[in-house]
């Protein structure tokens, strides 16, 4: 016969075991959560790999790192057997009055441009930082890739027209962005950070429409071919190109499946 004392003791033993079991399960879950946080918490889904929070950091990735825009074009020119001379890069900051008078005219606030006269890209540091803060690091990185696109067009020998020259630069930026994904340098929603900025651009005589700019960016990403991007220019602007056929050796690569919202798009 079981006494009341035995019953109480047994009940307490069972409860202690249940409590210990719950504690073990809780601690195990905490360890798993901490492990996941270490693995993924430091890598935002929409950030350059690794995440960049400063304008200088973004420029360093694009100009110096594997998977950046300069790395992409250096490899392309080498595959074509051509000499590649990367554009020089200069910061200015309109917010503090730190401006330049360049061979192509004065620098402007909230802007950046490629000057073909001295083969140099000028970037407003304050504006690049604002793009990072408001849209993400690849918004600024894509802007830089666009300016590289102008430099590449000049090196290939393309002429310039409005707005075709801008669409071409957007298309070439799409190509280097795809290289970024293929190398793992671009991750998550990086693609849309710059594409969203393009789409938001107001219509102008020099740069065309935001919708068209985004479309040409999509086209460059999906086609991955300089000749296809050159369709943005009238034939007269293409006639001075150094080679009749300038194609990427990576044309057969499919690239990532999701970063581009219009992967099936066949061109503007």
C-alpha atoms as a PDB file:
ATOM      1  CA  UNK A   1       0.000   0.000   0.000  1.00  0.00           C
ATOM      2  CA  UNK A   2       1.399   3.429  -0.983  1.00  0.00           C
ATOM      3  CA  UNK A   3       1.355   6.070   1.736  1.00  0.00           C
ATOM      4  CA  UNK A   4       0.458   9.722   1.219  1.00  0.00           C
ATOM      5  CA  UNK A   5       4.123  10.685   1.805  1.00  0.00           C
ATOM      6  CA  UNK A   6       5.319   8.284  -0.887  1.00  0.00           C
ATOM      7  CA  UNK A   7       2.756   9.717  -3.314  1.00  0.00           C
ATOM      8  CA  UNK A   8       3.921  13.280  -2.678  1.00  0.00           C
ATOM      9  CA  UNK A   9       7.569  12.313  -3.070  1.00  0.00           C
ATOM     10  CA  UNK A  10       6.887  10.463  -6.324  1.00  0.00           C
ATOM     11  CA  UNK A  11       4.904  13.415  -7.659  1.00  0.00           C
ATOM     12  CA  UNK A  12       7.719  15.809  -6.769  1.00  0.00           C
ATOM     13  CA  UNK A  13      10.287  13.524  -8.434  1.00  0.00           C
ATOM     14  CA  UNK A  14       8.249  13.368 -11.638  1.00  0.00           C
ATOM     15  CA  UNK A  15       7.787  17.141 -11.649  1.00  0.00           C
ATOM     16  CA  UNK A  16      11.529  17.718 -11.104  1.00  0.00           C
ATOM     17  CA  UNK A  17      12.296  15.416 -14.026  1.00  0.00           C
ATOM     18  CA  UNK A  18       9.772  17.243 -16.226  1.00  0.00           C
ATOM     19  CA  UNK A  19      11.270  20.591 -15.233  1.00  0.00           C
ATOM     20  CA  UNK A  20      14.791  19.325 -15.951  1.00  0.00           C
ATOM     21  CA  UNK A  21      13.654  18.023 -19.321  1.00  0.00           C
ATOM     22  CA  UNK A  22      12.103  21.357 -20.210  1.00  0.00           C
ATOM     23  CA  UNK A  23      15.329  23.144 -19.156  1.00  0.00           C
ATOM     24  CA  UNK A  24      17.445  20.827 -21.310  1.00  0.00           C
ATOM     25  CA  UNK A  25      15.172  21.411 -24.296  1.00  0.00           C
ATOM     26  CA  UNK A  26      15.247  25.174 -23.676  1.00  0.00           C
ATOM     27  CA  UNK A  27      19.041  25.241 -23.457  1.00  0.00           C
ATOM     28  CA  UNK A  28      19.316  23.133 -26.606  1.00  0.00           C
ATOM     29  CA  UNK A  29      17.029  25.518 -28.457  1.00  0.00           C
ATOM     30  CA  UNK A  30      19.067  28.462 -27.198  1.00  0.00           C
ATOM     31  CA  UNK A  31      22.280  26.885 -28.490  1.00  0.00           C
ATOM     32  CA  UNK A  32      20.690  26.302 -31.898  1.00  0.00           C
ATOM     33  CA  UNK A  33      19.406  29.880 -32.008  1.00  0.00           C
ATOM     34  CA  UNK A  34      22.834  31.248 -31.053  1.00  0.00           C
ATOM     35  CA  UNK A  35      24.487  29.114 -33.720  1.00  0.00           C
ATOM     36  CA  UNK A  36      22.086  30.356 -36.375  1.00  0.00           C
ATOM     37  CA  UNK A  37      22.641  33.936 -35.262  1.00  0.00           C
ATOM     38  CA  UNK A  38      26.393  33.522 -35.630  1.00  0.00           C
ATOM     39  CA  UNK A  39      25.978  31.922 -39.027  1.00  0.00           C
ATOM     40  CA  UNK A  40      23.450  34.304 -40.524  1.00  0.00           C
ATOM     41  CA  UNK A  41      23.019  37.292 -38.263  1.00  0.00           C
ATOM     42  CA  UNK A  42      26.104  39.077 -39.496  1.00  0.00           C
ATOM     43  CA  UNK A  43      25.147  38.682 -43.174  1.00  0.00           C
ATOM     44  CA  UNK A  44      22.090  40.782 -44.046  1.00  0.00           C
ATOM     45  CA  UNK A  45      20.159  39.239 -46.922  1.00  0.00           C
ATOM     46  CA  UNK A  46      20.350  42.386 -49.000  1.00  0.00           C
ATOM     47  CA  UNK A  47      23.925  43.466 -48.421  1.00  0.00           C
ATOM     48  CA  UNK A  48      27.149  43.177 -50.370  1.00  0.00           C
ATOM     49  CA  UNK A  49      29.130  40.231 -49.028  1.00  0.00           C
ATOM     50  CA  UNK A  50      30.446  41.389 -46.579  1.00  0.00           C
ATOM     51  CA  UNK A  51      28.011  44.160 -45.728  1.00  0.00           C
ATOM     52  CA  UNK A  52      29.289  47.674 -46.419  1.00  0.00           C
ATOM     53  CA  UNK A  53      28.072  50.685 -44.477  1.00  0.00           C
ATOM     54  CA  UNK A  54      30.359  53.409 -45.808  1.00  0.00           C
ATOM     55  CA  UNK A  55      30.836  54.985 -49.210  1.00  0.00           C
ATOM     56  CA  UNK A  56      34.553  54.239 -49.092  1.00  0.00           C
ATOM     57  CA  UNK A  57      33.836  50.595 -48.276  1.00  0.00           C
ATOM     58  CA  UNK A  58      31.522  50.254 -51.268  1.00  0.00           C
ATOM     59  CA  UNK A  59      34.066  51.886 -53.563  1.00  0.00           C
ATOM     60  CA  UNK A  60      36.804  49.589 -52.264  1.00  0.00           C
ATOM     61  CA  UNK A  61      34.684  46.524 -53.056  1.00  0.00           C
ATOM     62  CA  UNK A  62      33.868  47.728 -56.547  1.00  0.00           C
ATOM     63  CA  UNK A  63      37.347  48.947 -57.410  1.00  0.00           C
ATOM     64  CA  UNK A  64      39.607  46.420 -55.680  1.00  0.00           C
ATOM     65  CA  UNK A  65      37.890  43.178 -54.666  1.00  0.00           C
ATOM     66  CA  UNK A  66      37.181  39.928 -56.462  1.00  0.00           C
ATOM     67  CA  UNK A  67      33.608  40.073 -57.743  1.00  0.00           C
ATOM     68  CA  UNK A  68      33.593  43.858 -58.044  1.00  0.00           C
ATOM     69  CA  UNK A  69      33.018  45.841 -61.214  1.00  0.00           C
ATOM     70  CA  UNK A  70      36.717  46.517 -61.844  1.00  0.00           C
ATOM     71  CA  UNK A  71      37.521  42.820 -61.436  1.00  0.00           C
ATOM     72  CA  UNK A  72      34.808  41.958 -63.947  1.00  0.00           C
ATOM     73  CA  UNK A  73      36.016  44.299 -66.668  1.00  0.00           C
ATOM     74  CA  UNK A  74      39.678  43.448 -66.146  1.00  0.00           C
ATOM     75  CA  UNK A  75      38.803  39.802 -66.775  1.00  0.00           C
ATOM     76  CA  UNK A  76      36.691  40.622 -69.827  1.00  0.00           C
ATOM     77  CA  UNK A  77      39.383  42.716 -71.479  1.00  0.00           C
ATOM     78  CA  UNK A  78      41.971  40.019 -70.771  1.00  0.00           C
ATOM     79  CA  UNK A  79      39.721  37.437 -72.426  1.00  0.00           C
ATOM     80  CA  UNK A  80      39.448  39.662 -75.503  1.00  0.00           C
ATOM     81  CA  UNK A  81      43.208  40.150 -75.619  1.00  0.00           C
ATOM     82  CA  UNK A  82      42.872  43.877 -75.049  1.00  0.00           C
ATOM     83  CA  UNK A  83      44.715  46.169 -72.690  1.00  0.00           C
ATOM     84  CA  UNK A  84      42.544  47.354 -69.828  1.00  0.00           C
ATOM     85  CA  UNK A  85      43.151  50.712 -68.196  1.00  0.00           C
ATOM     86  CA  UNK A  86      40.763  51.173 -65.262  1.00  0.00           C
ATOM     87  CA  UNK A  87      39.354  54.649 -64.719  1.00  0.00           C
ATOM     88  CA  UNK A  88      40.830  56.774 -61.955  1.00  0.00           C
ATOM     89  CA  UNK A  89      38.497  57.623 -59.068  1.00  0.00           C
ATOM     90  CA  UNK A  90      38.000  60.868 -57.141  1.00  0.00           C
ATOM     91  CA  UNK A  91      35.748  61.814 -54.262  1.00  0.00           C
ATOM     92  CA  UNK A  92      34.184  65.218 -53.788  1.00  0.00           C
ATOM     93  CA  UNK A  93      31.644  66.409 -51.233  1.00  0.00           C
ATOM     94  CA  UNK A  94      29.199  69.103 -52.229  1.00  0.00           C
ATOM     95  CA  UNK A  95      27.719  69.195 -48.718  1.00  0.00           C
ATOM     96  CA  UNK A  96      30.959  70.590 -47.311  1.00  0.00           C
ATOM     97  CA  UNK A  97      31.849  72.724 -50.313  1.00  0.00           C
ATOM     98  CA  UNK A  98      34.628  70.359 -51.348  1.00  0.00           C
ATOM     99  CA  UNK A  99      34.141  70.501 -55.119  1.00  0.00           C
ATOM    100  CA  UNK A 100      36.195  70.116 -58.292  1.00  0.00           C
ATOM    101  CA  UNK A 101      36.523  71.939 -61.549  1.00  0.00           C
ATOM    102  CA  UNK A 102      37.168  69.049 -63.949  1.00  0.00           C
ATOM    103  CA  UNK A 103      38.104  68.925 -67.654  1.00  0.00           C
ATOM    104  CA  UNK A 104      34.454  67.962 -68.215  1.00  0.00           C
ATOM    105  CA  UNK A 105      32.971  70.764 -66.127  1.00  0.00           C
ATOM    106  CA  UNK A 106      32.238  71.449 -62.475  1.00  0.00           C
ATOM    107  CA  UNK A 107      31.173  68.693 -60.110  1.00  0.00           C
ATOM    108  CA  UNK A 108      27.584  68.829 -58.911  1.00  0.00           C
ATOM    109  CA  UNK A 109      25.755  68.009 -55.709  1.00  0.00           C
ATOM    110  CA  UNK A 110      23.998  64.627 -55.398  1.00  0.00           C
ATOM    111  CA  UNK A 111      25.737  63.315 -58.458  1.00  0.00           C
ATOM    112  CA  UNK A 112      28.704  61.578 -59.961  1.00  0.00           C
ATOM    113  CA  UNK A 113      30.015  61.266 -63.506  1.00  0.00           C
ATOM    114  CA  UNK A 114      32.673  59.844 -65.767  1.00  0.00           C
ATOM    115  CA  UNK A 115      34.952  62.328 -67.518  1.00  0.00           C
ATOM    116  CA  UNK A 116      36.303  60.868 -70.755  1.00  0.00           C
ATOM    117  CA  UNK A 117      38.894  63.624 -71.140  1.00  0.00           C
ATOM    118  CA  UNK A 118      40.982  62.361 -68.223  1.00  0.00           C
ATOM    119  CA  UNK A 119      39.418  58.871 -67.863  1.00  0.00           C
ATOM    120  CA  UNK A 120      38.301  59.596 -64.312  1.00  0.00           C
ATOM    121  CA  UNK A 121      35.130  58.977 -62.308  1.00  0.00           C
ATOM    122  CA  UNK A 122      34.037  61.700 -59.873  1.00  0.00           C
ATOM    123  CA  UNK A 123      31.695  60.725 -57.029  1.00  0.00           C
ATOM    124  CA  UNK A 124      29.908  62.868 -54.453  1.00  0.00           C
ATOM    125  CA  UNK A 125      30.835  61.064 -51.214  1.00  0.00           C
ATOM    126  CA  UNK A 126      27.878  62.530 -49.320  1.00  0.00           C
ATOM    127  CA  UNK A 127      25.421  61.360 -51.976  1.00  0.00           C
ATOM    128  CA  UNK A 128      26.913  57.866 -52.117  1.00  0.00           C
ATOM    129  CA  UNK A 129      26.511  57.620 -48.341  1.00  0.00           C
ATOM    130  CA  UNK A 130      22.912  58.830 -48.617  1.00  0.00           C
ATOM    131  CA  UNK A 131      22.166  56.078 -51.147  1.00  0.00           C
ATOM    132  CA  UNK A 132      23.632  53.466 -48.795  1.00  0.00           C
ATOM    133  CA  UNK A 133      21.622  54.781 -45.855  1.00  0.00           C
ATOM    134  CA  UNK A 134      18.321  54.993 -47.726  1.00  0.00           C
ATOM    135  CA  UNK A 135      18.446  52.077 -50.180  1.00  0.00           C
ATOM    136  CA  UNK A 136      21.312  49.766 -49.246  1.00  0.00           C
ATOM    137  CA  UNK A 137      24.960  49.327 -50.143  1.00  0.00           C
ATOM    138  CA  UNK A 138      24.364  48.114 -53.701  1.00  0.00           C
ATOM    139  CA  UNK A 139      22.464  51.284 -54.559  1.00  0.00           C
ATOM    140  CA  UNK A 140      25.799  53.097 -54.373  1.00  0.00           C
ATOM    141  CA  UNK A 141      27.709  50.145 -55.834  1.00  0.00           C
ATOM    142  CA  UNK A 142      25.383  50.052 -58.842  1.00  0.00           C
ATOM    143  CA  UNK A 143      25.859  53.790 -59.344  1.00  0.00           C
ATOM    144  CA  UNK A 144      29.605  53.190 -59.470  1.00  0.00           C
ATOM    145  CA  UNK A 145      29.091  50.278 -61.885  1.00  0.00           C
ATOM    146  CA  UNK A 146      27.096  52.623 -64.152  1.00  0.00           C
ATOM    147  CA  UNK A 147      29.956  55.125 -64.236  1.00  0.00           C
ATOM    148  CA  UNK A 148      32.371  52.301 -64.985  1.00  0.00           C
ATOM    149  CA  UNK A 149      30.018  51.456 -67.847  1.00  0.00           C
ATOM    150  CA  UNK A 150      30.728  54.838 -69.423  1.00  0.00           C
ATOM    151  CA  UNK A 151      34.472  54.235 -69.075  1.00  0.00           C
ATOM    152  CA  UNK A 152      34.166  50.787 -70.651  1.00  0.00           C
ATOM    153  CA  UNK A 153      32.116  52.147 -73.557  1.00  0.00           C
ATOM    154  CA  UNK A 154      34.909  54.630 -74.279  1.00  0.00           C
ATOM    155  CA  UNK A 155      37.616  51.952 -74.090  1.00  0.00           C
ATOM    156  CA  UNK A 156      35.699  49.758 -76.513  1.00  0.00           C
ATOM    157  CA  UNK A 157      35.316  52.710 -78.841  1.00  0.00           C
ATOM    158  CA  UNK A 158      31.580  53.382 -78.714  1.00  0.00           C
ATOM    159  CA  UNK A 159      30.323  56.861 -79.384  1.00  0.00           C
ATOM    160  CA  UNK A 160      27.839  58.631 -77.136  1.00  0.00           C
ATOM    161  CA  UNK A 161      24.230  59.626 -77.682  1.00  0.00           C
ATOM    162  CA  UNK A 162      21.326  60.729 -75.491  1.00  0.00           C
ATOM    163  CA  UNK A 163      19.789  58.764 -73.885  1.00  0.00           C
ATOM    164  CA  UNK A 164      21.383  55.707 -75.518  1.00  0.00           C
ATOM    165  CA  UNK A 165      24.743  56.287 -73.870  1.00  0.00           C
ATOM    166  CA  UNK A 166      23.109  56.186 -70.443  1.00  0.00           C
ATOM    167  CA  UNK A 167      21.104  53.075 -71.272  1.00  0.00           C
ATOM    168  CA  UNK A 168      24.309  51.408 -72.446  1.00  0.00           C
ATOM    169  CA  UNK A 169      26.021  52.221 -69.131  1.00  0.00           C
ATOM    170  CA  UNK A 170      23.022  50.798 -67.253  1.00  0.00           C
ATOM    171  CA  UNK A 171      23.186  47.653 -69.374  1.00  0.00           C
ATOM    172  CA  UNK A 172      26.907  47.207 -68.736  1.00  0.00           C
ATOM    173  CA  UNK A 173      26.230  47.690 -65.010  1.00  0.00           C
ATOM    174  CA  UNK A 174      23.779  44.792 -65.290  1.00  0.00           C
ATOM    175  CA  UNK A 175      26.560  42.618 -66.698  1.00  0.00           C
ATOM    176  CA  UNK A 176      28.982  43.355 -63.872  1.00  0.00           C
ATOM    177  CA  UNK A 177      26.192  42.849 -61.334  1.00  0.00           C
ATOM    178  CA  UNK A 178      25.665  39.339 -62.649  1.00  0.00           C
ATOM    179  CA  UNK A 179      29.372  38.655 -62.171  1.00  0.00           C
ATOM    180  CA  UNK A 180      28.947  39.865 -58.591  1.00  0.00           C
ATOM    181  CA  UNK A 181      26.265  37.238 -57.974  1.00  0.00           C
ATOM    182  CA  UNK A 182      28.223  34.487 -59.722  1.00  0.00           C
ATOM    183  CA  UNK A 183      31.194  35.136 -57.442  1.00  0.00           C
ATOM    184  CA  UNK A 184      29.098  35.461 -54.284  1.00  0.00           C
ATOM    185  CA  UNK A 185      30.087  39.098 -53.830  1.00  0.00           C
ATOM    186  CA  UNK A 186      26.492  40.255 -54.368  1.00  0.00           C
ATOM    187  CA  UNK A 187      23.790  38.514 -52.379  1.00  0.00           C
ATOM    188  CA  UNK A 188      20.080  38.664 -51.594  1.00  0.00           C
ATOM    189  CA  UNK A 189      18.289  41.772 -52.769  1.00  0.00           C
ATOM    190  CA  UNK A 190      21.371  43.731 -53.855  1.00  0.00           C
ATOM    191  CA  UNK A 191      20.050  43.685 -57.424  1.00  0.00           C
ATOM    192  CA  UNK A 192      16.861  45.471 -56.465  1.00  0.00           C
ATOM    193  CA  UNK A 193      18.629  48.110 -54.404  1.00  0.00           C
ATOM    194  CA  UNK A 194      20.137  49.638 -57.525  1.00  0.00           C
ATOM    195  CA  UNK A 195      17.282  48.730 -59.835  1.00  0.00           C
ATOM    196  CA  UNK A 196      14.861  50.516 -57.513  1.00  0.00           C
ATOM    197  CA  UNK A 197      16.993  53.633 -57.682  1.00  0.00           C
ATOM    198  CA  UNK A 198      17.045  53.467 -61.489  1.00  0.00           C
ATOM    199  CA  UNK A 199      13.277  53.078 -61.634  1.00  0.00           C
ATOM    200  CA  UNK A 200      12.826  56.167 -59.471  1.00  0.00           C
ATOM    201  CA  UNK A 201      14.753  58.463 -61.791  1.00  0.00           C
ATOM    202  CA  UNK A 202      12.794  61.313 -63.336  1.00  0.00           C
ATOM    203  CA  UNK A 203      12.537  61.480 -67.111  1.00  0.00           C
ATOM    204  CA  UNK A 204      15.139  63.698 -68.752  1.00  0.00           C
ATOM    205  CA  UNK A 205      16.415  64.384 -72.251  1.00  0.00           C
ATOM    206  CA  UNK A 206      19.895  63.152 -71.358  1.00  0.00           C
ATOM    207  CA  UNK A 207      19.061  60.034 -69.317  1.00  0.00           C
ATOM    208  CA  UNK A 208      15.690  58.934 -70.673  1.00  0.00           C
ATOM    209  CA  UNK A 209      13.091  57.383 -68.366  1.00  0.00           C
ATOM    210  CA  UNK A 210      13.539  55.497 -65.132  1.00  0.00           C
ATOM    211  CA  UNK A 211      11.560  52.570 -66.499  1.00  0.00           C
ATOM    212  CA  UNK A 212      13.806  52.275 -69.541  1.00  0.00           C
ATOM    213  CA  UNK A 213      16.937  52.530 -67.450  1.00  0.00           C
ATOM    214  CA  UNK A 214      15.768  49.673 -65.237  1.00  0.00           C
ATOM    215  CA  UNK A 215      14.867  47.665 -68.353  1.00  0.00           C
ATOM    216  CA  UNK A 216      18.339  48.063 -69.819  1.00  0.00           C
ATOM    217  CA  UNK A 217      19.870  47.057 -66.487  1.00  0.00           C
ATOM    218  CA  UNK A 218      17.720  43.906 -66.587  1.00  0.00           C
ATOM    219  CA  UNK A 219      18.788  43.306 -70.174  1.00  0.00           C
ATOM    220  CA  UNK A 220      22.485  43.508 -69.388  1.00  0.00           C
ATOM    221  CA  UNK A 221      22.067  41.095 -66.526  1.00  0.00           C
ATOM    222  CA  UNK A 222      20.096  38.558 -68.538  1.00  0.00           C
ATOM    223  CA  UNK A 223      22.047  38.774 -71.826  1.00  0.00           C
ATOM    224  CA  UNK A 224      25.532  39.110 -70.309  1.00  0.00           C
ATOM    225  CA  UNK A 225      26.869  40.282 -73.652  1.00  0.00           C
ATOM    226  CA  UNK A 226      28.401  43.605 -74.662  1.00  0.00           C
ATOM    227  CA  UNK A 227      27.082  43.401 -78.217  1.00  0.00           C
ATOM    228  CA  UNK A 228      23.541  43.056 -76.935  1.00  0.00           C
ATOM    229  CA  UNK A 229      24.009  46.065 -74.647  1.00  0.00           C
ATOM    230  CA  UNK A 230      25.284  48.070 -77.642  1.00  0.00           C
ATOM    231  CA  UNK A 231      21.780  47.900 -79.082  1.00  0.00           C
ATOM    232  CA  UNK A 232      21.056  50.871 -76.831  1.00  0.00           C
ATOM    233  CA  UNK A 233      23.093  53.012 -79.233  1.00  0.00           C
ATOM    234  CA  UNK A 234      22.280  54.070 -82.778  1.00  0.00           C
ATOM    235  CA  UNK A 235      24.405  52.279 -85.381  1.00  0.00           C
ATOM    236  CA  UNK A 236      26.469  55.427 -85.984  1.00  0.00           C
ATOM    237  CA  UNK A 237      27.652  55.380 -82.341  1.00  0.00           C
ATOM    238  CA  UNK A 238      28.619  51.709 -82.616  1.00  0.00           C
ATOM    239  CA  UNK A 239      30.645  52.011 -85.800  1.00  0.00           C
ATOM    240  CA  UNK A 240      33.878  53.092 -84.099  1.00  0.00           C
ATOM    241  CA  UNK A 241      34.021  50.069 -81.781  1.00  0.00           C
ATOM    242  CA  UNK A 242      37.372  48.266 -81.780  1.00  0.00           C
ATOM    243  CA  UNK A 243      35.872  44.865 -82.596  1.00  0.00           C
ATOM    244  CA  UNK A 244      32.809  43.704 -84.451  1.00  0.00           C
ATOM    245  CA  UNK A 245      32.174  41.052 -81.814  1.00  0.00           C
ATOM    246  CA  UNK A 246      32.825  41.641 -78.130  1.00  0.00           C
ATOM    247  CA  UNK A 247      31.259  38.859 -76.119  1.00  0.00           C
ATOM    248  CA  UNK A 248      31.641  37.574 -72.606  1.00  0.00           C
ATOM    249  CA  UNK A 249      33.367  34.207 -72.177  1.00  0.00           C
ATOM    250  CA  UNK A 250      30.753  33.482 -69.519  1.00  0.00           C
ATOM    251  CA  UNK A 251      27.740  33.808 -71.835  1.00  0.00           C
ATOM    252  CA  UNK A 252      26.612  30.243 -71.167  1.00  0.00           C
ATOM    253  CA  UNK A 253      26.347  30.746 -67.408  1.00  0.00           C
ATOM    254  CA  UNK A 254      22.816  31.085 -66.145  1.00  0.00           C
ATOM    255  CA  UNK A 255      23.653  33.015 -63.007  1.00  0.00           C
ATOM    256  CA  UNK A 256      21.510  33.175 -59.864  1.00  0.00           C
ATOM    257  CA  UNK A 257      17.828  32.376 -60.110  1.00  0.00           C
ATOM    258  CA  UNK A 258      16.133  35.112 -58.131  1.00  0.00           C
ATOM    259  CA  UNK A 259      17.887  38.491 -57.859  1.00  0.00           C
ATOM    260  CA  UNK A 260      16.472  39.852 -61.115  1.00  0.00           C
ATOM    261  CA  UNK A 261      12.704  40.315 -61.113  1.00  0.00           C
ATOM    262  CA  UNK A 262      12.606  40.120 -64.928  1.00  0.00           C
ATOM    263  CA  UNK A 263      14.951  37.265 -65.751  1.00  0.00           C
ATOM    264  CA  UNK A 264      12.761  36.263 -68.690  1.00  0.00           C
ATOM    265  CA  UNK A 265      12.851  39.759 -70.145  1.00  0.00           C
ATOM    266  CA  UNK A 266      14.316  39.770 -73.652  1.00  0.00           C
ATOM    267  CA  UNK A 267      15.399  43.352 -73.894  1.00  0.00           C
ATOM    268  CA  UNK A 268      14.080  46.875 -74.336  1.00  0.00           C
END
